[in-house]
Protein backbone atom coordinates (compact mmCIF):
# COMPACT_ATOMS: atom_id res chain seq x y z
CA MET A 1 35.06 14.95 5.65
CA LYS A 2 33.14 12.89 3.06
CA LEU A 3 31.98 14.24 -0.45
CA LYS A 4 30.58 12.46 -3.57
CA THR A 5 28.51 13.42 -6.43
CA LEU A 6 25.10 11.99 -5.26
CA ILE A 7 22.27 10.45 -7.06
CA LEU A 8 24.06 8.97 -10.18
CA PHE A 9 21.38 6.48 -10.47
CA SER A 10 17.69 5.91 -9.17
CA LEU A 11 16.35 2.45 -8.74
CA LEU A 12 12.84 3.49 -8.23
CA THR A 13 10.18 5.68 -9.80
CA LEU A 14 8.60 7.95 -7.11
CA VAL A 15 4.96 8.63 -7.18
CA SER A 16 2.71 10.59 -4.73
CA THR A 17 -0.70 8.86 -4.59
CA ALA A 18 -2.38 9.71 -1.19
CA CYS A 19 -3.09 12.84 0.92
CA GLN A 20 -2.10 13.84 4.19
CA LEU A 21 -4.56 12.23 6.57
CA PRO A 22 -4.31 12.02 10.48
CA VAL A 23 -4.33 8.55 12.10
CA LEU A 24 -7.34 7.97 14.37
CA ASN A 25 -6.44 6.87 17.82
CA GLU A 26 -8.82 3.87 18.04
CA THR A 27 -8.79 3.72 21.94
CA ASP A 28 -10.24 7.13 22.50
CA GLY A 29 -11.46 8.42 19.24
CA GLU A 30 -9.07 11.45 19.30
CA THR A 31 -6.80 12.38 16.46
CA SER A 32 -3.32 10.97 16.81
CA ASN A 33 -0.11 12.73 16.05
CA VAL A 34 1.01 9.75 14.14
CA LEU A 35 0.36 10.42 10.43
CA PHE A 36 1.75 7.25 9.05
CA GLN A 37 3.85 4.31 10.53
CA ASP A 38 5.30 1.09 9.22
CA ASP A 39 7.07 -1.77 11.08
CA PHE A 40 7.62 -3.54 7.82
CA SER A 41 5.97 -6.80 9.13
CA ASP A 42 3.56 -6.84 6.26
CA PRO A 43 5.03 -7.09 2.86
CA SER A 44 1.99 -5.85 1.20
CA SER A 45 2.15 -2.45 3.05
CA GLY A 46 2.96 -0.33 -0.16
CA TRP A 47 6.68 0.04 -0.28
CA ASP A 48 8.64 -0.66 -3.66
CA GLN A 49 9.96 -4.30 -4.07
CA VAL A 50 12.63 -3.87 -6.82
CA SER A 51 15.69 -5.85 -7.92
CA SER A 52 18.18 -4.85 -10.59
CA GLU A 53 21.85 -5.01 -10.92
CA SER A 54 22.49 -1.78 -9.34
CA GLY A 55 20.59 -2.66 -6.18
CA GLU A 56 17.37 -4.13 -4.32
CA THR A 57 14.61 -2.81 -2.16
CA ASP A 58 12.35 -5.27 -0.46
CA TYR A 59 10.91 -6.43 2.94
CA VAL A 60 13.07 -8.86 4.66
CA ASP A 61 12.93 -10.45 8.14
CA GLY A 62 10.39 -7.81 9.47
CA ALA A 63 12.46 -4.89 8.11
CA TYR A 64 12.80 -2.92 4.94
CA ARG A 65 16.06 -3.59 3.23
CA ILE A 66 17.96 -1.22 0.76
CA TYR A 67 20.97 -2.83 -0.95
CA VAL A 68 23.46 -0.74 -3.17
CA ASN A 69 25.63 -2.92 -5.62
CA GLU A 70 27.05 0.09 -7.59
CA THR A 71 29.65 2.66 -6.53
CA ASN A 72 28.76 6.21 -6.00
CA THR A 73 25.15 5.29 -6.16
CA ASP A 74 21.87 5.96 -3.90
CA VAL A 75 18.79 4.09 -3.89
CA TRP A 76 15.68 5.19 -2.36
CA ALA A 77 11.98 4.00 -1.61
CA ASN A 78 8.67 5.87 -0.65
CA PRO A 79 5.22 4.78 0.43
CA GLY A 80 3.45 7.04 -1.95
CA LEU A 81 2.10 9.68 0.32
CA THR A 82 1.90 13.64 0.57
CA PHE A 83 2.65 15.66 3.64
CA THR A 84 3.68 19.27 4.42
CA ASP A 85 5.37 19.65 7.73
CA VAL A 86 6.41 16.44 9.20
CA ARG A 87 8.75 14.64 11.71
CA VAL A 88 10.14 11.49 10.23
CA GLU A 89 11.84 8.75 12.32
CA VAL A 90 13.36 5.34 11.64
CA ASP A 91 15.67 2.69 13.11
CA ALA A 92 18.50 1.93 10.74
CA THR A 93 21.11 -0.94 10.87
CA LYS A 94 23.90 -1.59 8.58
CA VAL A 95 23.90 -5.35 8.09
CA ALA A 96 26.69 -5.73 5.52
CA GLY A 97 28.98 -3.79 3.22
CA PRO A 98 31.49 -0.88 3.86
CA ASP A 99 31.24 1.50 6.63
CA ASP A 100 31.90 4.30 4.06
CA ASN A 101 28.32 4.61 3.05
CA ASP A 102 25.21 6.94 3.42
CA PHE A 103 21.68 6.14 4.74
CA GLY A 104 18.86 7.97 6.14
CA VAL A 105 15.35 9.46 5.56
CA THR A 106 13.89 11.76 2.88
CA CYS A 107 10.98 14.30 3.04
CA ARG A 108 9.13 16.56 0.56
CA VAL A 109 9.76 14.14 -2.25
CA ARG A 110 7.87 15.68 -5.31
CA ASP A 111 9.57 13.20 -7.80
CA ALA A 112 12.87 11.41 -8.37
CA SER A 113 14.69 14.74 -8.98
CA HIS A 114 13.08 16.88 -6.28
CA PHE A 115 13.38 16.19 -2.44
CA TYR A 116 15.21 16.60 0.81
CA PHE A 117 17.59 14.09 2.39
CA PHE A 118 19.02 13.46 5.93
CA ILE A 119 21.88 11.06 5.88
CA ILE A 120 24.42 9.46 8.06
CA SER A 121 27.17 6.94 7.62
CA SER A 122 28.52 3.78 9.31
CA ASP A 123 31.85 5.40 9.95
CA GLY A 124 30.39 8.52 11.80
CA TYR A 125 29.29 11.31 9.44
CA TYR A 126 26.27 13.08 8.58
CA ALA A 127 24.62 15.63 6.29
CA ILE A 128 21.38 17.21 5.40
CA GLY A 129 20.90 17.94 1.38
CA LYS A 130 18.72 18.22 -1.33
CA THR A 131 18.30 16.92 -5.01
CA SER A 132 16.91 19.39 -7.42
CA ASP A 133 16.54 18.89 -11.15
CA GLU A 134 18.68 15.74 -10.87
CA ALA A 135 21.52 17.81 -9.17
CA GLN A 136 22.48 16.91 -5.71
CA GLU A 137 23.89 19.43 -3.09
CA LEU A 138 24.50 19.43 0.61
CA ILE A 139 23.02 22.44 2.47
CA GLY A 140 25.16 24.57 4.82
CA MET A 141 28.12 22.38 4.27
CA ASP A 142 30.73 21.41 1.76
CA ALA A 143 30.88 17.64 2.62
CA MET A 144 29.43 15.38 5.28
CA LEU A 145 30.69 16.02 8.90
CA PRO A 146 31.69 13.79 11.75
CA SER A 147 29.80 13.47 15.03
CA GLU A 148 30.38 11.05 17.98
CA ALA A 149 26.54 10.78 18.39
CA ILE A 150 26.49 8.40 15.41
CA ASN A 151 26.98 4.53 16.19
CA GLN A 152 29.47 3.19 13.88
CA GLY A 153 29.92 -0.24 12.11
CA GLN A 154 27.20 -2.72 12.31
CA ALA A 155 25.10 -1.01 14.79
CA ASN A 156 21.50 0.38 15.19
CA ASN A 157 20.95 4.19 14.80
CA HIS A 158 17.79 6.12 15.30
CA VAL A 159 17.53 9.03 12.70
CA ARG A 160 14.90 11.68 12.94
CA ALA A 161 14.37 14.37 10.43
CA ASP A 162 12.20 17.58 11.18
CA CYS A 163 10.79 19.34 8.16
CA ILE A 164 8.94 22.18 9.45
CA GLY A 165 8.43 25.36 7.15
CA ASP A 166 11.91 26.15 5.66
CA THR A 167 13.57 24.74 8.71
CA LEU A 168 15.29 21.26 8.30
CA THR A 169 16.68 19.49 11.33
CA LEU A 170 18.53 16.29 11.75
CA TYR A 171 18.66 14.21 14.90
CA VAL A 172 20.70 11.01 15.51
CA ASN A 173 20.13 8.87 18.59
CA GLY A 174 18.24 11.69 20.37
CA GLN A 175 20.89 14.30 19.71
CA GLN A 176 20.50 17.13 17.28
CA LEU A 177 23.39 17.37 14.67
CA ASP A 178 22.39 20.12 12.25
CA GLU A 179 19.73 22.55 11.51
CA VAL A 180 19.64 24.28 8.11
CA HIS A 181 17.08 26.44 6.17
CA ASP A 182 15.80 25.92 2.51
CA ALA A 183 12.32 26.85 1.10
CA GLU A 184 12.58 25.14 -2.50
CA PHE A 185 10.12 22.28 -1.50
CA GLU A 186 6.93 22.89 0.53
CA SER A 187 5.37 19.39 0.40
CA GLY A 188 5.73 15.66 -0.94
CA ASP A 189 6.21 12.02 0.04
CA VAL A 190 8.67 10.84 2.65
CA GLY A 191 11.05 7.90 2.31
CA LEU A 192 14.16 5.99 3.03
CA MET A 193 17.51 6.18 1.16
CA ALA A 194 20.88 4.37 1.10
CA GLY A 195 23.94 4.72 -0.97
CA SER A 196 27.53 3.68 -1.61
CA PHE A 197 30.90 5.72 -2.17
CA ASP A 198 33.95 4.05 -3.70
CA THR A 199 33.00 0.48 -2.66
CA PRO A 200 29.68 -1.03 -3.54
CA GLY A 201 27.81 -3.38 -1.09
CA THR A 202 25.88 -1.08 1.28
CA ASP A 203 23.14 -3.32 2.90
CA VAL A 204 20.92 -1.25 5.36
CA HIS A 205 17.77 -2.72 7.18
CA PHE A 206 15.21 0.01 8.27
CA ASP A 207 12.49 -0.53 11.02
CA ASN A 208 9.89 1.36 12.96
CA PHE A 209 9.21 3.85 10.26
CA THR A 210 7.01 6.82 11.70
CA VAL A 211 5.75 10.06 10.44
CA LEU A 212 4.48 12.56 12.98
CA ASN A 213 2.55 15.67 13.09
CA PRO A 214 5.23 18.24 14.54
CA GLU A 215 2.46 20.72 15.73
CA THR A 216 0.82 18.05 17.91
CA GLU A 217 4.31 16.81 19.01
CA ALA A 218 5.16 20.31 20.14
CA SER A 219 1.99 20.79 21.81
CA THR A 220 2.09 17.77 24.10
CA GLN A 221 5.89 18.26 25.26
């Protein structure tokens, strides 16, 4: 099992600036289930581009990079939106640094001290947790747990998080790993997160970030 005191440092300031709006399907004029998406091909699409001694967030080679250069530190980024119930998906690949890391997605981000996170590691562990009043805790477990569904090392993983009512569900590579319940946060931004444990240098590239309306998804399945 893996355990650390999380969010010792925040590289970014989180601000929600937009309302939840559906994306219009230009081909038939119908409302799409896609609420927001970004393949990070446009460096001006609105994500943070920050560099400090502790880490970096920026667009690179058609992806979004989060680099963590301090131990026991998490760095996150957000597009500046507001949602309630969502399904968040992203492709994530560790490109450098230790396998003893964590990375994934966030939802219902009210500010830098209040949000849910869904993380995995490059050595095959996972967790769902939250940050509340700058204190971080895992939900339903005492430490990150192992799963064979997670591709280890410098491999791509498809991470999906469902935030629906008080139910929080984590999927990796199409397999459900965990489902927990927590009602503290009802709405907020979405985003990406990566962190380190005892060794710095976590370097993760994210691509194909998508936010879906879970009600529309359910009705079409």
